[in-house]
């Protein structure tokens, strides 16, 4: 991802930008906007990770209380533009942001990294949900690497005939599969590390979300090299009618036009 030169293109006027973040892109956008004269940037994190990586500048942690609460915050804090840089699977927050922006008339951009793209040799099985992934698993393998986030592990709790290896930043909460091993770790991950992980734990099927980005992509390469099937949960759509930028540079250009 290229980083824009924040000194070369100042925003048109003093403004307040709310970045709904918690992602690599959210932190990069806050850094790209940091220090621009007259610009206030507030990054908002959901607070679901115990020790989040904080962006530069002003940060708030916690929910807004639904779309109405977010709309009230936009009005109270005189926000001029919102960038939804949440995780591609944070559909609830994206929905609330769209409703709040529509209610207040505040311009809203979705900053969403491109999804993963299959290449020759991949054995992908695309499914619409984690529930569908759980239904498919018994026919694909017995030792499963769950790389789909700790909040989704409950979808596999009823599968007592499989062994699961799950990786997450924080410990998952019940319900959990009967046979589950948890690795507490945070990306980015290396290709060599992912190869070793899959071999050491004798993994024969991988489950992941189509989150995109480079931090967790090496597991897909490692799975391809080993000939393993990968169950890929498709990402939810962006709320209809909203502009979308694939990277930080595009988000900065949008802000320069909209603020």
Protein backbone atom coordinates (compact mmCIF):
# COMPACT_ATOMS: atom_id res chain seq x y z
CA UNK A 1 0.00 0.00 0.00
CA UNK A 2 1.40 3.37 -0.94
CA UNK A 3 1.37 6.10 1.66
CA UNK A 4 0.23 9.53 0.48
CA UNK A 5 2.41 12.57 1.04
CA UNK A 6 0.37 14.37 3.67
CA UNK A 7 2.28 17.64 3.16
CA UNK A 8 1.62 17.90 -0.57
CA UNK A 9 -2.17 18.19 -0.62
CA UNK A 10 -3.76 20.04 2.31
CA UNK A 11 -7.47 19.70 2.96
CA UNK A 12 -9.55 22.63 1.80
CA UNK A 13 -10.49 23.93 5.25
CA UNK A 14 -10.27 23.05 8.93
CA UNK A 15 -12.36 19.93 9.40
CA UNK A 16 -13.06 17.01 11.70
CA UNK A 17 -12.69 13.52 10.26
CA UNK A 18 -13.90 10.41 12.09
CA UNK A 19 -12.05 7.24 11.14
CA UNK A 20 -13.87 4.08 12.14
CA UNK A 21 -10.78 1.94 12.46
CA UNK A 22 -9.06 -0.89 14.23
CA UNK A 23 -7.49 -2.09 10.98
CA UNK A 24 -4.14 -1.61 9.29
CA UNK A 25 -5.82 0.77 6.85
CA UNK A 26 -7.38 2.79 9.65
CA UNK A 27 -4.01 3.26 11.36
CA UNK A 28 -2.35 4.15 8.07
CA UNK A 29 -5.02 6.74 7.27
CA UNK A 30 -4.65 8.36 10.69
CA UNK A 31 -0.89 8.53 10.11
CA UNK A 32 -1.35 10.00 6.63
CA UNK A 33 -3.60 12.78 7.99
CA UNK A 34 -1.62 13.43 11.15
CA UNK A 35 -0.20 16.93 11.42
CA UNK A 36 -2.24 18.60 8.69
CA UNK A 37 -2.94 22.17 9.81
CA UNK A 38 -6.45 22.74 11.12
CA UNK A 39 -7.43 19.10 10.78
CA UNK A 40 -8.80 17.10 13.70
CA UNK A 41 -8.79 13.34 13.21
CA UNK A 42 -10.52 11.01 15.65
CA UNK A 43 -9.97 7.27 15.31
CA UNK A 44 -12.67 5.09 16.86
CA UNK A 45 -11.93 1.49 17.91
CA UNK A 46 -14.60 -1.00 18.93
CA UNK A 47 -12.65 -2.15 21.99
CA UNK A 48 -12.99 -5.88 21.29
CA UNK A 49 -9.23 -6.51 21.54
CA UNK A 50 -7.64 -6.25 24.98
CA UNK A 51 -4.45 -4.56 23.77
CA UNK A 52 -5.21 -2.96 20.40
CA UNK A 53 -2.60 -1.34 18.19
CA UNK A 54 -3.43 2.31 18.58
CA UNK A 55 -3.24 4.79 15.70
CA UNK A 56 -1.53 8.13 16.06
CA UNK A 57 -3.60 11.07 17.21
CA UNK A 58 -6.91 11.23 19.04
CA UNK A 59 -8.50 7.86 19.83
CA UNK A 60 -11.83 6.84 21.32
CA UNK A 61 -12.56 3.25 22.32
CA UNK A 62 -16.00 1.67 22.60
CA UNK A 63 -19.32 1.62 20.82
CA UNK A 64 -21.60 4.54 20.03
CA UNK A 65 -24.90 2.91 20.97
CA UNK A 66 -26.15 2.05 17.51
CA UNK A 67 -26.81 4.35 14.55
CA UNK A 68 -28.71 6.91 16.62
CA UNK A 69 -25.86 7.18 19.10
CA UNK A 70 -23.35 7.57 16.30
CA UNK A 71 -25.49 10.24 14.65
CA UNK A 72 -25.64 12.16 17.94
CA UNK A 73 -21.84 11.91 18.26
CA UNK A 74 -21.35 13.23 14.71
CA UNK A 75 -23.53 16.23 15.51
CA UNK A 76 -22.05 16.92 18.96
CA UNK A 77 -18.45 16.65 17.73
CA UNK A 78 -19.12 18.59 14.50
CA UNK A 79 -17.79 15.84 12.27
CA UNK A 80 -17.42 16.85 8.62
CA UNK A 81 -16.56 13.46 7.10
CA UNK A 82 -16.50 9.80 8.13
CA UNK A 83 -14.24 7.06 6.78
CA UNK A 84 -15.39 3.53 7.53
CA UNK A 85 -12.07 1.69 7.75
CA UNK A 86 -13.43 -1.17 9.84
CA UNK A 87 -12.73 -4.83 9.15
CA UNK A 88 -14.40 -6.12 5.96
CA UNK A 89 -16.57 -8.39 8.13
CA UNK A 90 -17.69 -5.66 10.57
CA UNK A 91 -21.04 -5.50 8.78
CA UNK A 92 -22.95 -4.21 11.79
CA UNK A 93 -20.71 -1.18 12.24
CA UNK A 94 -20.74 -0.43 8.52
CA UNK A 95 -24.53 -0.59 8.52
CA UNK A 96 -24.76 1.74 11.53
CA UNK A 97 -22.32 4.18 9.93
CA UNK A 98 -24.38 4.30 6.74
CA UNK A 99 -27.58 5.03 8.69
CA UNK A 100 -25.89 7.69 10.85
CA UNK A 101 -24.33 9.40 7.85
CA UNK A 102 -27.67 9.46 6.04
CA UNK A 103 -29.40 10.90 9.10
CA UNK A 104 -26.86 13.70 9.56
CA UNK A 105 -25.85 14.41 5.97
CA UNK A 106 -22.19 13.77 6.81
CA UNK A 107 -20.23 12.37 3.82
CA UNK A 108 -19.19 8.74 4.32
CA UNK A 109 -16.50 6.76 2.51
CA UNK A 110 -15.84 3.04 2.88
CA UNK A 111 -12.11 2.26 2.91
CA UNK A 112 -12.02 -1.43 2.08
CA UNK A 113 -8.95 -3.41 1.08
CA UNK A 114 -9.43 -5.78 -1.90
CA UNK A 115 -10.30 -9.36 -1.07
CA UNK A 116 -8.12 -12.40 -1.62
CA UNK A 117 -7.85 -13.65 -5.21
CA UNK A 118 -7.42 -17.36 -6.03
CA UNK A 119 -4.52 -18.46 -8.21
CA UNK A 120 -3.86 -21.73 -10.05
CA UNK A 121 -3.38 -24.56 -7.58
CA UNK A 122 -5.77 -23.20 -4.95
CA UNK A 123 -8.44 -25.59 -3.70
CA UNK A 124 -10.92 -23.02 -2.46
CA UNK A 125 -14.48 -23.68 -1.33
CA UNK A 126 -16.43 -20.41 -1.18
CA UNK A 127 -19.23 -20.26 1.39
CA UNK A 128 -21.54 -17.40 2.45
CA UNK A 129 -21.12 -17.80 6.22
CA UNK A 130 -19.28 -19.54 9.04
CA UNK A 131 -22.36 -21.71 9.53
CA UNK A 132 -22.02 -22.91 5.95
CA UNK A 133 -18.30 -23.49 6.52
CA UNK A 134 -19.09 -25.71 9.52
CA UNK A 135 -21.54 -27.74 7.43
CA UNK A 136 -18.91 -28.33 4.76
CA UNK A 137 -15.97 -29.26 6.99
CA UNK A 138 -16.68 -32.92 7.84
CA UNK A 139 -16.29 -33.88 4.18
CA UNK A 140 -12.98 -32.06 3.75
CA UNK A 141 -10.74 -33.07 6.64
CA UNK A 142 -10.37 -33.94 10.30
CA UNK A 143 -7.70 -31.49 11.50
CA UNK A 144 -8.85 -27.93 10.93
CA UNK A 145 -6.92 -24.67 11.13
CA UNK A 146 -9.47 -22.01 12.06
CA UNK A 147 -8.14 -18.64 10.97
CA UNK A 148 -11.46 -16.82 11.02
CA UNK A 149 -11.34 -14.81 14.24
CA UNK A 150 -12.19 -15.75 17.80
CA UNK A 151 -15.77 -14.45 17.64
CA UNK A 152 -16.65 -16.97 14.95
CA UNK A 153 -15.36 -20.09 16.71
CA UNK A 154 -18.79 -20.72 18.26
CA UNK A 155 -20.10 -21.67 14.80
CA UNK A 156 -18.01 -24.86 15.03
CA UNK A 157 -18.81 -25.77 18.66
CA UNK A 158 -21.15 -28.62 17.68
CA UNK A 159 -18.53 -30.48 15.63
CA UNK A 160 -17.24 -33.09 18.04
CA UNK A 161 -15.57 -35.31 15.45
CA UNK A 162 -12.94 -32.80 14.35
CA UNK A 163 -9.82 -31.34 15.93
CA UNK A 164 -9.48 -27.57 15.67
CA UNK A 165 -6.46 -25.31 15.87
CA UNK A 166 -7.59 -21.69 16.28
CA UNK A 167 -5.42 -18.59 16.22
CA UNK A 168 -6.57 -15.29 17.71
CA UNK A 169 -5.24 -12.20 19.46
CA UNK A 170 -7.31 -12.79 22.61
CA UNK A 171 -8.70 -16.04 24.10
CA UNK A 172 -12.06 -17.08 22.62
CA UNK A 173 -15.16 -17.42 24.78
CA UNK A 174 -17.57 -20.39 24.94
CA UNK A 175 -19.21 -22.15 23.29
CA UNK A 176 -16.16 -23.86 21.82
CA UNK A 177 -15.54 -27.14 19.98
CA UNK A 178 -14.73 -30.08 22.29
CA UNK A 179 -11.33 -30.62 20.68
CA UNK A 180 -9.76 -27.18 20.37
CA UNK A 181 -6.22 -25.87 20.67
CA UNK A 182 -5.79 -22.09 20.76
CA UNK A 183 -2.72 -20.15 19.66
CA UNK A 184 -2.61 -16.57 20.90
CA UNK A 185 -0.77 -14.61 18.25
CA UNK A 186 -1.05 -11.47 16.16
CA UNK A 187 -0.07 -10.97 12.51
CA UNK A 188 1.54 -10.25 10.21
CA UNK A 189 2.61 -13.85 9.64
CA UNK A 190 5.41 -15.14 7.44
CA UNK A 191 5.20 -17.82 4.77
CA UNK A 192 7.86 -19.94 6.49
CA UNK A 193 5.97 -19.67 9.76
CA UNK A 194 2.67 -20.70 8.16
CA UNK A 195 4.28 -23.67 6.42
CA UNK A 196 5.73 -24.84 9.72
CA UNK A 197 2.42 -24.33 11.54
CA UNK A 198 0.40 -26.40 9.07
CA UNK A 199 2.96 -29.20 9.05
CA UNK A 200 3.54 -29.29 12.82
CA UNK A 201 -0.18 -29.56 13.57
CA UNK A 202 -0.87 -31.92 10.66
CA UNK A 203 -3.58 -29.64 9.32
CA UNK A 204 -5.61 -31.00 6.43
CA UNK A 205 -8.14 -28.18 5.90
CA UNK A 206 -8.04 -24.42 6.50
CA UNK A 207 -10.96 -22.08 7.25
CA UNK A 208 -10.57 -18.35 6.70
CA UNK A 209 -12.56 -15.24 5.96
CA UNK A 210 -11.99 -13.24 2.80
CA UNK A 211 -10.50 -10.39 4.80
CA UNK A 212 -7.88 -9.53 2.18
CA UNK A 213 -4.63 -7.75 2.91
CA UNK A 214 -1.13 -9.10 3.38
CA UNK A 215 -0.96 -9.76 7.13
CA UNK A 216 -2.64 -13.17 6.98
CA UNK A 217 -2.32 -14.03 3.26
CA UNK A 218 0.75 -16.34 3.67
CA UNK A 219 -1.47 -19.10 5.07
CA UNK A 220 -3.19 -19.31 1.68
CA UNK A 221 0.14 -19.76 -0.08
CA UNK A 222 1.20 -22.39 2.43
CA UNK A 223 -2.10 -24.26 2.01
CA UNK A 224 -1.70 -24.19 -1.78
CA UNK A 225 1.83 -25.56 -1.57
CA UNK A 226 0.63 -28.42 0.62
CA UNK A 227 -2.42 -29.10 -1.55
CA UNK A 228 -4.86 -28.37 1.29
CA UNK A 229 -8.49 -27.37 0.76
CA UNK A 230 -9.38 -23.91 2.04
CA UNK A 231 -12.90 -22.91 3.04
CA UNK A 232 -13.21 -19.19 2.32
CA UNK A 233 -16.10 -17.24 3.86
CA UNK A 234 -17.19 -14.53 1.44
CA UNK A 235 -17.24 -10.98 2.79
CA UNK A 236 -20.53 -9.11 3.28
CA UNK A 237 -21.36 -6.40 0.73
CA UNK A 238 -20.66 -2.72 1.36
CA UNK A 239 -23.87 -0.78 2.11
CA UNK A 240 -25.46 0.21 -1.18
CA UNK A 241 -24.75 3.59 -2.72
CA UNK A 242 -21.59 4.44 -0.79
CA UNK A 243 -18.28 5.42 -2.39
CA UNK A 244 -15.48 2.91 -1.84
CA UNK A 245 -11.70 3.42 -1.82
CA UNK A 246 -9.37 0.39 -1.99
CA UNK A 247 -6.45 2.06 -0.23
CA UNK A 248 -5.34 4.97 1.91
CA UNK A 249 -4.28 7.10 -1.05
CA UNK A 250 -7.81 6.87 -2.45
CA UNK A 251 -9.31 7.79 0.92
CA UNK A 252 -7.12 10.88 1.20
CA UNK A 253 -8.13 11.98 -2.32
CA UNK A 254 -11.79 11.56 -1.39
CA UNK A 255 -11.32 13.65 1.76
CA UNK A 256 -9.65 16.40 -0.22
CA UNK A 257 -12.67 16.53 -2.50
CA UNK A 258 -15.34 16.13 0.17
CA UNK A 259 -14.15 18.09 3.18
